[in-house]
Amino acid sequence: MPFSLHSQDFQSVADVFMRDPKRYHPFTQFIAGVMSGDSDLSRVERETIALYVSGLNDCRYCIGSHQAVLNGLGADEAAVASAQDSPRMRPILELAHKLTQTPGAVGQTDIDAVRAAGWSDQAVEDVINVISLFAFMNRLVDGFGIEGSSQIFKKSGPMIAQHGYGPLAQALGQKVGAA
């Protein structure tokens, strides 16, 4: 249940962004770049990291949302579990765990482990961006009390899987331009 008067009708994070497009437009551009832009990480891998971090933070909205996007990308729960157990993703998720739970404890050995799994320095940066993005996003939706629903996830998951996160940034950009 939303916690503030201006968020009482919020059903999704898009409602937060649309309430104040000027404030959130740059952030939605960042989301689109991190989650849909060019990267050594596939979109499934980035969504898997987002789902993992959201699980660590117990953010029910983001868990439902990213599971729906993963389903839309053709990655069911078994595929995600398999990816999480892969030698290439394991050090990424260990870094995600540490950066989420004890950020001050992250050190060179954590980064070296990701590199040793075959990831580039750019991929390491992309991983850190995904983890950090969802530390913020989880707190944003939980702070506003947004829970989401299976109907919202059924609608938004396939849409994001097909088009990425850019359309939301574009919609906010249009609203900012019109203001």
N, C-alpha and C. Protein backbone atom coordinates (compact mmCIF):
# COMPACT_ATOMS: atom_id res chain seq x y z
N MET A 1 0.85 -1.18 0.00
CA MET A 1 0.00 0.00 0.00
C MET A 1 0.89 1.24 0.00
N PRO A 2 0.69 2.15 -0.95
CA PRO A 2 1.50 3.37 -1.01
C PRO A 2 1.41 4.15 0.30
N PHE A 3 2.53 4.78 0.64
CA PHE A 3 2.66 5.40 1.95
C PHE A 3 2.39 6.90 1.99
N SER A 4 2.45 7.60 0.85
CA SER A 4 2.25 9.05 0.89
C SER A 4 1.04 9.44 0.07
N LEU A 5 0.54 10.63 0.32
CA LEU A 5 -0.68 11.08 -0.36
C LEU A 5 -0.49 11.14 -1.87
N HIS A 6 0.65 11.67 -2.34
CA HIS A 6 0.80 11.77 -3.78
C HIS A 6 1.13 10.44 -4.44
N SER A 7 1.42 9.41 -3.65
CA SER A 7 1.72 8.10 -4.24
C SER A 7 0.59 7.10 -4.02
N GLN A 8 -0.55 7.56 -3.51
CA GLN A 8 -1.62 6.61 -3.17
C GLN A 8 -2.16 5.86 -4.38
N ASP A 9 -2.01 6.41 -5.58
CA ASP A 9 -2.49 5.72 -6.78
C ASP A 9 -1.37 5.03 -7.56
N PHE A 10 -0.16 5.03 -7.03
CA PHE A 10 0.97 4.41 -7.73
C PHE A 10 0.80 2.90 -7.78
N GLN A 11 0.83 2.35 -8.98
CA GLN A 11 0.76 0.90 -9.17
C GLN A 11 2.09 0.34 -9.61
N SER A 12 2.97 1.21 -10.15
CA SER A 12 4.27 0.75 -10.65
C SER A 12 5.29 1.87 -10.49
N VAL A 13 6.53 1.53 -10.72
CA VAL A 13 7.59 2.52 -10.63
C VAL A 13 7.42 3.58 -11.71
N ALA A 14 6.83 3.24 -12.84
CA ALA A 14 6.58 4.23 -13.89
C ALA A 14 5.70 5.36 -13.37
N ASP A 15 4.78 5.06 -12.46
CA ASP A 15 3.93 6.09 -11.87
C ASP A 15 4.75 7.10 -11.08
N VAL A 16 5.78 6.62 -10.39
CA VAL A 16 6.67 7.53 -9.66
C VAL A 16 7.35 8.47 -10.65
N PHE A 17 7.91 7.88 -11.71
CA PHE A 17 8.64 8.68 -12.69
C PHE A 17 7.74 9.68 -13.39
N MET A 18 6.53 9.27 -13.74
CA MET A 18 5.61 10.15 -14.47
C MET A 18 5.07 11.28 -13.60
N ARG A 19 5.09 11.11 -12.29
CA ARG A 19 4.62 12.18 -11.41
C ARG A 19 5.52 13.41 -11.52
N ASP A 20 6.80 13.19 -11.74
CA ASP A 20 7.76 14.30 -11.82
C ASP A 20 8.77 14.00 -12.92
N PRO A 21 8.36 14.09 -14.19
CA PRO A 21 9.22 13.70 -15.31
C PRO A 21 10.55 14.46 -15.36
N LYS A 22 10.54 15.73 -15.02
CA LYS A 22 11.78 16.51 -15.08
C LYS A 22 12.82 15.95 -14.11
N ARG A 23 12.38 15.55 -12.95
CA ARG A 23 13.29 14.99 -11.94
C ARG A 23 13.82 13.62 -12.37
N TYR A 24 12.93 12.78 -12.89
CA TYR A 24 13.30 11.39 -13.12
C TYR A 24 13.79 11.07 -14.53
N HIS A 25 13.62 11.98 -15.48
CA HIS A 25 14.04 11.68 -16.85
C HIS A 25 15.51 11.28 -16.95
N PRO A 26 16.45 12.03 -16.35
CA PRO A 26 17.86 11.60 -16.45
C PRO A 26 18.08 10.20 -15.85
N PHE A 27 17.34 9.90 -14.80
CA PHE A 27 17.50 8.58 -14.18
C PHE A 27 16.98 7.48 -15.09
N THR A 28 15.86 7.73 -15.78
CA THR A 28 15.34 6.71 -16.68
C THR A 28 16.26 6.51 -17.87
N GLN A 29 16.98 7.55 -18.28
CA GLN A 29 17.98 7.40 -19.33
C GLN A 29 19.12 6.50 -18.83
N PHE A 30 19.51 6.68 -17.58
CA PHE A 30 20.54 5.83 -16.99
C PHE A 30 20.08 4.38 -16.94
N ILE A 31 18.84 4.16 -16.51
CA ILE A 31 18.28 2.80 -16.46
C ILE A 31 18.33 2.17 -17.84
N ALA A 32 17.89 2.90 -18.85
CA ALA A 32 17.88 2.37 -20.21
C ALA A 32 19.30 2.01 -20.67
N GLY A 33 20.26 2.86 -20.36
CA GLY A 33 21.64 2.57 -20.75
C GLY A 33 22.21 1.35 -20.05
N VAL A 34 21.97 1.27 -18.75
CA VAL A 34 22.51 0.15 -17.96
C VAL A 34 21.84 -1.17 -18.34
N MET A 35 20.53 -1.15 -18.46
CA MET A 35 19.79 -2.41 -18.63
C MET A 35 19.58 -2.81 -20.09
N SER A 36 19.59 -1.85 -21.02
CA SER A 36 19.29 -2.18 -22.41
C SER A 36 20.41 -1.80 -23.37
N GLY A 37 21.39 -1.04 -22.91
CA GLY A 37 22.45 -0.58 -23.79
C GLY A 37 23.46 -1.67 -24.11
N ASP A 38 24.43 -1.31 -24.93
CA ASP A 38 25.49 -2.25 -25.30
C ASP A 38 26.27 -2.69 -24.07
N SER A 39 26.55 -3.97 -24.01
CA SER A 39 27.29 -4.53 -22.88
C SER A 39 27.76 -5.93 -23.24
N ASP A 40 28.85 -6.35 -22.63
CA ASP A 40 29.28 -7.75 -22.73
C ASP A 40 28.28 -8.66 -22.03
N LEU A 41 27.53 -8.11 -21.09
CA LEU A 41 26.50 -8.86 -20.39
C LEU A 41 25.24 -8.89 -21.25
N SER A 42 24.64 -10.05 -21.38
CA SER A 42 23.38 -10.14 -22.11
C SER A 42 22.28 -9.48 -21.28
N ARG A 43 21.16 -9.23 -21.91
CA ARG A 43 20.03 -8.67 -21.17
C ARG A 43 19.55 -9.67 -20.13
N VAL A 44 19.60 -10.96 -20.43
CA VAL A 44 19.21 -11.98 -19.46
C VAL A 44 20.16 -11.93 -18.26
N GLU A 45 21.44 -11.78 -18.50
CA GLU A 45 22.39 -11.71 -17.37
C GLU A 45 22.15 -10.47 -16.53
N ARG A 46 21.87 -9.33 -17.15
CA ARG A 46 21.59 -8.11 -16.38
C ARG A 46 20.30 -8.24 -15.59
N GLU A 47 19.28 -8.81 -16.21
CA GLU A 47 18.01 -9.01 -15.49
C GLU A 47 18.19 -10.01 -14.34
N THR A 48 19.05 -11.01 -14.55
CA THR A 48 19.33 -11.99 -13.49
C THR A 48 20.00 -11.31 -12.31
N ILE A 49 20.93 -10.40 -12.58
CA ILE A 49 21.59 -9.65 -11.50
C ILE A 49 20.55 -8.78 -10.78
N ALA A 50 19.69 -8.11 -11.55
CA ALA A 50 18.65 -7.27 -10.95
C ALA A 50 17.73 -8.10 -10.07
N LEU A 51 17.35 -9.27 -10.54
CA LEU A 51 16.49 -10.17 -9.76
C LEU A 51 17.20 -10.62 -8.49
N TYR A 52 18.48 -10.96 -8.60
CA TYR A 52 19.25 -11.42 -7.46
C TYR A 52 19.37 -10.33 -6.39
N VAL A 53 19.74 -9.12 -6.82
CA VAL A 53 19.88 -8.01 -5.88
C VAL A 53 18.53 -7.70 -5.23
N SER A 54 17.47 -7.70 -6.03
CA SER A 54 16.13 -7.43 -5.48
C SER A 54 15.72 -8.49 -4.48
N GLY A 55 16.14 -9.74 -4.71
CA GLY A 55 15.88 -10.81 -3.75
C GLY A 55 16.63 -10.57 -2.45
N LEU A 56 17.89 -10.15 -2.55
CA LEU A 56 18.66 -9.85 -1.34
C LEU A 56 18.00 -8.74 -0.53
N ASN A 57 17.42 -7.76 -1.24
CA ASN A 57 16.76 -6.63 -0.58
C ASN A 57 15.30 -6.91 -0.26
N ASP A 58 14.81 -8.11 -0.61
CA ASP A 58 13.43 -8.51 -0.37
C ASP A 58 12.44 -7.49 -0.94
N CYS A 59 12.73 -7.01 -2.15
CA CYS A 59 11.85 -6.05 -2.82
C CYS A 59 10.88 -6.83 -3.70
N ARG A 60 9.69 -7.05 -3.19
CA ARG A 60 8.70 -7.90 -3.86
C ARG A 60 8.33 -7.36 -5.24
N TYR A 61 8.18 -6.04 -5.35
CA TYR A 61 7.84 -5.44 -6.65
C TYR A 61 8.91 -5.76 -7.69
N CYS A 62 10.17 -5.49 -7.36
CA CYS A 62 11.25 -5.70 -8.34
C CYS A 62 11.47 -7.19 -8.63
N ILE A 63 11.26 -8.04 -7.65
CA ILE A 63 11.35 -9.49 -7.91
C ILE A 63 10.31 -9.88 -8.95
N GLY A 64 9.07 -9.47 -8.75
CA GLY A 64 8.00 -9.79 -9.70
C GLY A 64 8.26 -9.19 -11.07
N SER A 65 8.71 -7.96 -11.09
CA SER A 65 8.96 -7.26 -12.34
C SER A 65 10.07 -7.93 -13.15
N HIS A 66 11.18 -8.22 -12.51
CA HIS A 66 12.33 -8.78 -13.25
C HIS A 66 12.12 -10.24 -13.61
N GLN A 67 11.36 -10.95 -12.81
CA GLN A 67 11.01 -12.32 -13.20
C GLN A 67 10.14 -12.28 -14.45
N ALA A 68 9.24 -11.31 -14.53
CA ALA A 68 8.38 -11.18 -15.71
C ALA A 68 9.19 -10.79 -16.95
N VAL A 69 10.17 -9.92 -16.78
CA VAL A 69 11.02 -9.55 -17.92
C VAL A 69 11.83 -10.77 -18.36
N LEU A 70 12.39 -11.49 -17.40
CA LEU A 70 13.15 -12.70 -17.74
C LEU A 70 12.27 -13.71 -18.47
N ASN A 71 11.05 -13.89 -18.01
CA ASN A 71 10.12 -14.80 -18.71
C ASN A 71 9.90 -14.32 -20.14
N GLY A 72 9.74 -13.00 -20.30
CA GLY A 72 9.56 -12.42 -21.62
C GLY A 72 10.77 -12.61 -22.52
N LEU A 73 11.94 -12.72 -21.92
CA LEU A 73 13.18 -12.96 -22.67
C LEU A 73 13.41 -14.45 -22.90
N GLY A 74 12.48 -15.28 -22.42
CA GLY A 74 12.58 -16.73 -22.62
C GLY A 74 13.37 -17.45 -21.55
N ALA A 75 13.64 -16.78 -20.45
CA ALA A 75 14.40 -17.38 -19.35
C ALA A 75 13.44 -17.68 -18.19
N ASP A 76 13.03 -18.93 -18.07
CA ASP A 76 12.16 -19.30 -16.96
C ASP A 76 12.99 -19.46 -15.69
N GLU A 77 12.34 -19.80 -14.60
CA GLU A 77 13.04 -19.89 -13.31
C GLU A 77 14.16 -20.92 -13.33
N ALA A 78 13.98 -22.01 -14.03
CA ALA A 78 15.04 -23.03 -14.13
C ALA A 78 16.24 -22.49 -14.88
N ALA A 79 16.01 -21.74 -15.95
CA ALA A 79 17.11 -21.15 -16.71
C ALA A 79 17.87 -20.12 -15.88
N VAL A 80 17.14 -19.35 -15.10
CA VAL A 80 17.77 -18.34 -14.24
C VAL A 80 18.60 -19.03 -13.16
N ALA A 81 18.05 -20.08 -12.55
CA ALA A 81 18.80 -20.83 -11.53
C ALA A 81 20.06 -21.44 -12.12
N SER A 82 19.95 -21.96 -13.34
CA SER A 82 21.12 -22.53 -14.01
C SER A 82 22.17 -21.46 -14.29
N ALA A 83 21.72 -20.28 -14.73
CA ALA A 83 22.65 -19.18 -14.99
C ALA A 83 23.34 -18.75 -13.69
N GLN A 84 22.57 -18.72 -12.61
CA GLN A 84 23.15 -18.30 -11.34
C GLN A 84 24.21 -19.27 -10.85
N ASP A 85 24.10 -20.53 -11.24
CA ASP A 85 25.08 -21.53 -10.82
C ASP A 85 26.25 -21.67 -11.78
N SER A 86 26.23 -20.94 -12.89
CA SER A 86 27.30 -21.09 -13.88
C SER A 86 28.60 -20.49 -13.34
N PRO A 87 29.73 -21.08 -13.70
CA PRO A 87 31.02 -20.56 -13.24
C PRO A 87 31.27 -19.11 -13.67
N ARG A 88 30.68 -18.71 -14.77
CA ARG A 88 30.88 -17.34 -15.25
C ARG A 88 30.05 -16.32 -14.46
N MET A 89 28.87 -16.71 -14.00
CA MET A 89 28.01 -15.79 -13.24
C MET A 89 28.26 -15.83 -11.74
N ARG A 90 28.78 -16.92 -11.24
CA ARG A 90 28.97 -17.07 -9.79
C ARG A 90 29.75 -15.89 -9.18
N PRO A 91 30.92 -15.50 -9.74
CA PRO A 91 31.64 -14.38 -9.12
C PRO A 91 30.90 -13.04 -9.23
N ILE A 92 30.08 -12.90 -10.27
CA ILE A 92 29.27 -11.69 -10.40
C ILE A 92 28.25 -11.64 -9.27
N LEU A 93 27.60 -12.75 -9.01
CA LEU A 93 26.58 -12.77 -7.96
C LEU A 93 27.21 -12.68 -6.57
N GLU A 94 28.42 -13.20 -6.42
CA GLU A 94 29.13 -13.02 -5.14
C GLU A 94 29.45 -11.54 -4.93
N LEU A 95 29.88 -10.87 -6.01
CA LEU A 95 30.10 -9.42 -5.92
C LEU A 95 28.79 -8.71 -5.62
N ALA A 96 27.71 -9.11 -6.28
CA ALA A 96 26.40 -8.50 -6.03
C ALA A 96 25.99 -8.66 -4.57
N HIS A 97 26.24 -9.84 -4.03
CA HIS A 97 25.88 -10.08 -2.62
C HIS A 97 26.68 -9.15 -1.71
N LYS A 98 27.97 -9.10 -1.93
CA LYS A 98 28.81 -8.28 -1.06
C LYS A 98 28.51 -6.79 -1.23
N LEU A 99 28.38 -6.32 -2.47
CA LEU A 99 28.12 -4.90 -2.71
C LEU A 99 26.75 -4.49 -2.17
N THR A 100 25.81 -5.41 -2.14
CA THR A 100 24.47 -5.13 -1.61
C THR A 100 24.45 -5.18 -0.09
N GLN A 101 25.05 -6.20 0.49
CA GLN A 101 24.95 -6.42 1.95
C GLN A 101 26.03 -5.70 2.75
N THR A 102 27.26 -5.69 2.23
CA THR A 102 28.38 -5.08 2.96
C THR A 102 29.28 -4.33 1.97
N PRO A 103 28.80 -3.22 1.43
CA PRO A 103 29.53 -2.53 0.37
C PRO A 103 30.95 -2.11 0.74
N GLY A 104 31.17 -1.78 1.98
CA GLY A 104 32.51 -1.37 2.41
C GLY A 104 33.51 -2.51 2.40
N ALA A 105 33.03 -3.73 2.30
CA ALA A 105 33.92 -4.90 2.30
C ALA A 105 34.37 -5.31 0.90
N VAL A 106 33.82 -4.67 -0.15
CA VAL A 106 34.23 -5.01 -1.52
C VAL A 106 35.68 -4.61 -1.71
N GLY A 107 36.45 -5.52 -2.29
CA GLY A 107 37.87 -5.26 -2.51
C GLY A 107 38.34 -5.76 -3.86
N GLN A 108 39.61 -5.57 -4.08
CA GLN A 108 40.23 -5.96 -5.35
C GLN A 108 40.01 -7.43 -5.67
N THR A 109 40.04 -8.29 -4.67
CA THR A 109 39.85 -9.73 -4.94
C THR A 109 38.47 -10.02 -5.51
N ASP A 110 37.47 -9.24 -5.12
CA ASP A 110 36.12 -9.43 -5.67
C ASP A 110 36.09 -9.08 -7.15
N ILE A 111 36.73 -7.98 -7.51
CA ILE A 111 36.80 -7.55 -8.91
C ILE A 111 37.65 -8.54 -9.71
N ASP A 112 38.76 -8.95 -9.14
CA ASP A 112 39.64 -9.91 -9.82
C ASP A 112 38.92 -11.23 -10.09
N ALA A 113 38.05 -11.64 -9.19
CA ALA A 113 37.31 -12.89 -9.39
C ALA A 113 36.37 -12.78 -10.60
N VAL A 114 35.76 -11.61 -10.77
CA VAL A 114 34.89 -11.41 -11.94
C VAL A 114 35.72 -11.44 -13.21
N ARG A 115 36.86 -10.75 -13.20
CA ARG A 115 37.76 -10.77 -14.36
C ARG A 115 38.25 -12.18 -14.66
N ALA A 116 38.57 -12.93 -13.62
CA ALA A 116 39.09 -14.30 -13.80
C ALA A 116 38.04 -15.22 -14.43
N ALA A 117 36.78 -14.85 -14.31
CA ALA A 117 35.71 -15.65 -14.93
C ALA A 117 35.55 -15.29 -16.40
N GLY A 118 36.39 -14.39 -16.89
CA GLY A 118 36.40 -14.07 -18.31
C GLY A 118 35.71 -12.77 -18.68
N TRP A 119 35.39 -11.95 -17.71
CA TRP A 119 34.70 -10.70 -17.99
C TRP A 119 35.68 -9.55 -18.17
N SER A 120 35.35 -8.62 -19.05
CA SER A 120 36.18 -7.44 -19.33
C SER A 120 36.01 -6.40 -18.22
N ASP A 121 36.89 -5.41 -18.23
CA ASP A 121 36.75 -4.30 -17.28
C ASP A 121 35.43 -3.56 -17.50
N GLN A 122 35.01 -3.42 -18.76
CA GLN A 122 33.73 -2.78 -19.04
C GLN A 122 32.58 -3.60 -18.45
N ALA A 123 32.67 -4.91 -18.55
CA ALA A 123 31.63 -5.77 -17.98
C ALA A 123 31.59 -5.60 -16.46
N VAL A 124 32.75 -5.48 -15.83
CA VAL A 124 32.81 -5.26 -14.38
C VAL A 124 32.08 -3.97 -14.04
N GLU A 125 32.34 -2.91 -14.81
CA GLU A 125 31.66 -1.64 -14.58
C GLU A 125 30.15 -1.80 -14.77
N ASP A 126 29.75 -2.53 -15.80
CA ASP A 126 28.33 -2.75 -16.05
C ASP A 126 27.68 -3.52 -14.90
N VAL A 127 28.38 -4.51 -14.37
CA VAL A 127 27.88 -5.28 -13.23
C VAL A 127 27.66 -4.36 -12.03
N ILE A 128 28.66 -3.53 -11.74
CA ILE A 128 28.56 -2.60 -10.61
C ILE A 128 27.38 -1.65 -10.81
N ASN A 129 27.18 -1.19 -12.05
CA ASN A 129 26.05 -0.30 -12.33
C ASN A 129 24.71 -0.99 -12.11
N VAL A 130 24.57 -2.23 -12.56
CA VAL A 130 23.31 -2.95 -12.35
C VAL A 130 23.05 -3.13 -10.86
N ILE A 131 24.05 -3.56 -10.13
CA ILE A 131 23.90 -3.78 -8.68
C ILE A 131 23.50 -2.47 -7.99
N SER A 132 24.20 -1.41 -8.30
CA SER A 132 23.94 -0.12 -7.66
C SER A 132 22.57 0.43 -8.05
N LEU A 133 22.20 0.27 -9.31
CA LEU A 133 20.90 0.72 -9.78
C LEU A 133 19.79 0.07 -8.97
N PHE A 134 19.92 -1.22 -8.71
CA PHE A 134 18.82 -1.89 -7.99
C PHE A 134 18.88 -1.70 -6.49
N ALA A 135 20.00 -1.29 -5.95
CA ALA A 135 20.00 -0.85 -4.56
C ALA A 135 19.09 0.37 -4.45
N PHE A 136 19.20 1.27 -5.42
CA PHE A 136 18.35 2.47 -5.43
C PHE A 136 16.90 2.12 -5.75
N MET A 137 16.68 1.36 -6.84
CA MET A 137 15.32 1.06 -7.28
C MET A 137 14.52 0.32 -6.20
N ASN A 138 15.17 -0.64 -5.55
CA ASN A 138 14.48 -1.39 -4.50
C ASN A 138 14.03 -0.46 -3.39
N ARG A 139 14.87 0.47 -3.02
CA ARG A 139 14.53 1.40 -1.95
C ARG A 139 13.46 2.39 -2.40
N LEU A 140 13.52 2.79 -3.67
CA LEU A 140 12.53 3.72 -4.20
C LEU A 140 11.13 3.11 -4.13
N VAL A 141 10.94 1.93 -4.70
CA VAL A 141 9.60 1.34 -4.71
C VAL A 141 9.15 0.93 -3.32
N ASP A 142 10.06 0.41 -2.51
CA ASP A 142 9.67 0.05 -1.14
C ASP A 142 9.38 1.29 -0.31
N GLY A 143 10.14 2.36 -0.53
CA GLY A 143 9.90 3.61 0.20
C GLY A 143 8.54 4.23 -0.12
N PHE A 144 8.11 4.08 -1.38
CA PHE A 144 6.79 4.57 -1.76
C PHE A 144 5.69 3.57 -1.46
N GLY A 145 6.06 2.36 -1.06
CA GLY A 145 5.06 1.36 -0.73
C GLY A 145 4.41 0.71 -1.95
N ILE A 146 5.12 0.68 -3.07
CA ILE A 146 4.57 0.12 -4.29
C ILE A 146 4.77 -1.40 -4.28
N GLU A 147 3.68 -2.12 -4.44
CA GLU A 147 3.73 -3.58 -4.39
C GLU A 147 3.62 -4.22 -5.76
N GLY A 148 2.98 -3.56 -6.70
CA GLY A 148 2.76 -4.15 -8.01
C GLY A 148 1.69 -5.23 -7.94
N SER A 149 1.47 -5.88 -9.08
CA SER A 149 0.49 -6.96 -9.14
C SER A 149 0.84 -7.87 -10.31
N SER A 150 0.27 -9.05 -10.30
CA SER A 150 0.55 -9.98 -11.40
C SER A 150 0.08 -9.39 -12.72
N GLN A 151 -1.00 -8.60 -12.71
CA GLN A 151 -1.47 -7.98 -13.94
C GLN A 151 -0.46 -6.98 -14.48
N ILE A 152 0.12 -6.18 -13.60
CA ILE A 152 1.12 -5.20 -14.02
C ILE A 152 2.35 -5.93 -14.57
N PHE A 153 2.79 -6.98 -13.88
CA PHE A 153 3.97 -7.70 -14.33
C PHE A 153 3.72 -8.40 -15.66
N LYS A 154 2.51 -8.95 -15.85
CA LYS A 154 2.16 -9.61 -17.12
C LYS A 154 2.19 -8.62 -18.28
N LYS A 155 1.84 -7.38 -17.99
CA LYS A 155 1.82 -6.35 -19.03
C LYS A 155 3.22 -5.78 -19.27
N SER A 156 3.91 -5.41 -18.21
CA SER A 156 5.20 -4.72 -18.37
C SER A 156 6.35 -5.66 -18.71
N GLY A 157 6.34 -6.87 -18.17
CA GLY A 157 7.46 -7.80 -18.42
C GLY A 157 7.71 -8.06 -19.89
N PRO A 158 6.70 -8.53 -20.64
CA PRO A 158 6.90 -8.76 -22.07
C PRO A 158 7.25 -7.49 -22.86
N MET A 159 6.66 -6.36 -22.44
CA MET A 159 6.94 -5.10 -23.12
C MET A 159 8.41 -4.70 -22.96
N ILE A 160 8.91 -4.82 -21.73
CA ILE A 160 10.32 -4.49 -21.48
C ILE A 160 11.22 -5.51 -22.16
N ALA A 161 10.83 -6.77 -22.14
CA ALA A 161 11.63 -7.80 -22.82
C ALA A 161 11.76 -7.49 -24.31
N GLN A 162 10.68 -7.03 -24.92
CA GLN A 162 10.69 -6.76 -26.35
C GLN A 162 11.38 -5.44 -26.70
N HIS A 163 11.11 -4.38 -25.92
CA HIS A 163 11.56 -3.04 -26.30
C HIS A 163 12.65 -2.47 -25.40
N GLY A 164 12.97 -3.14 -24.31
CA GLY A 164 13.96 -2.60 -23.38
C GLY A 164 13.36 -1.49 -22.52
N TYR A 165 14.24 -0.75 -21.87
CA TYR A 165 13.81 0.30 -20.94
C TYR A 165 13.77 1.68 -21.59
N GLY A 166 14.21 1.77 -22.84
CA GLY A 166 14.24 3.05 -23.54
C GLY A 166 12.91 3.74 -23.71
N PRO A 167 11.81 3.02 -24.02
CA PRO A 167 10.53 3.71 -24.21
C PRO A 167 10.07 4.54 -23.00
N LEU A 168 10.37 4.08 -21.79
CA LEU A 168 9.99 4.86 -20.61
C LEU A 168 10.78 6.16 -20.57
N ALA A 169 12.08 6.07 -20.84
CA ALA A 169 12.91 7.29 -20.88
C ALA A 169 12.43 8.23 -21.97
N GLN A 170 12.04 7.69 -23.12
CA GLN A 170 11.54 8.52 -24.22
C GLN A 170 10.22 9.19 -23.83
N ALA A 171 9.34 8.45 -23.17
CA ALA A 171 8.06 9.02 -22.75
C ALA A 171 8.28 10.18 -21.76
N LEU A 172 9.19 9.99 -20.83
CA LEU A 172 9.49 11.07 -19.89
C LEU A 172 10.13 12.26 -20.60
N GLY A 173 11.00 11.99 -21.56
CA GLY A 173 11.63 13.04 -22.35
C GLY A 173 10.60 13.87 -23.08
N GLN A 174 9.57 13.21 -23.63
CA GLN A 174 8.49 13.92 -24.31
C GLN A 174 7.71 14.78 -23.34
N LYS A 175 7.46 14.25 -22.14
CA LYS A 175 6.73 15.04 -21.14
C LYS A 175 7.55 16.25 -20.70
N VAL A 176 8.86 16.07 -20.54
CA VAL A 176 9.73 17.18 -20.14
C VAL A 176 9.76 18.22 -21.25
N GLY A 177 9.83 17.76 -22.50
CA GLY A 177 9.84 18.69 -23.65
C GLY A 177 8.55 19.45 -23.80
N ALA A 178 7.44 18.82 -23.41
CA ALA A 178 6.13 19.44 -23.54
C ALA A 178 5.86 20.44 -22.41
N ALA A 179 6.61 20.31 -21.32
CA ALA A 179 6.35 21.16 -20.15
C ALA A 179 6.90 22.55 -20.32
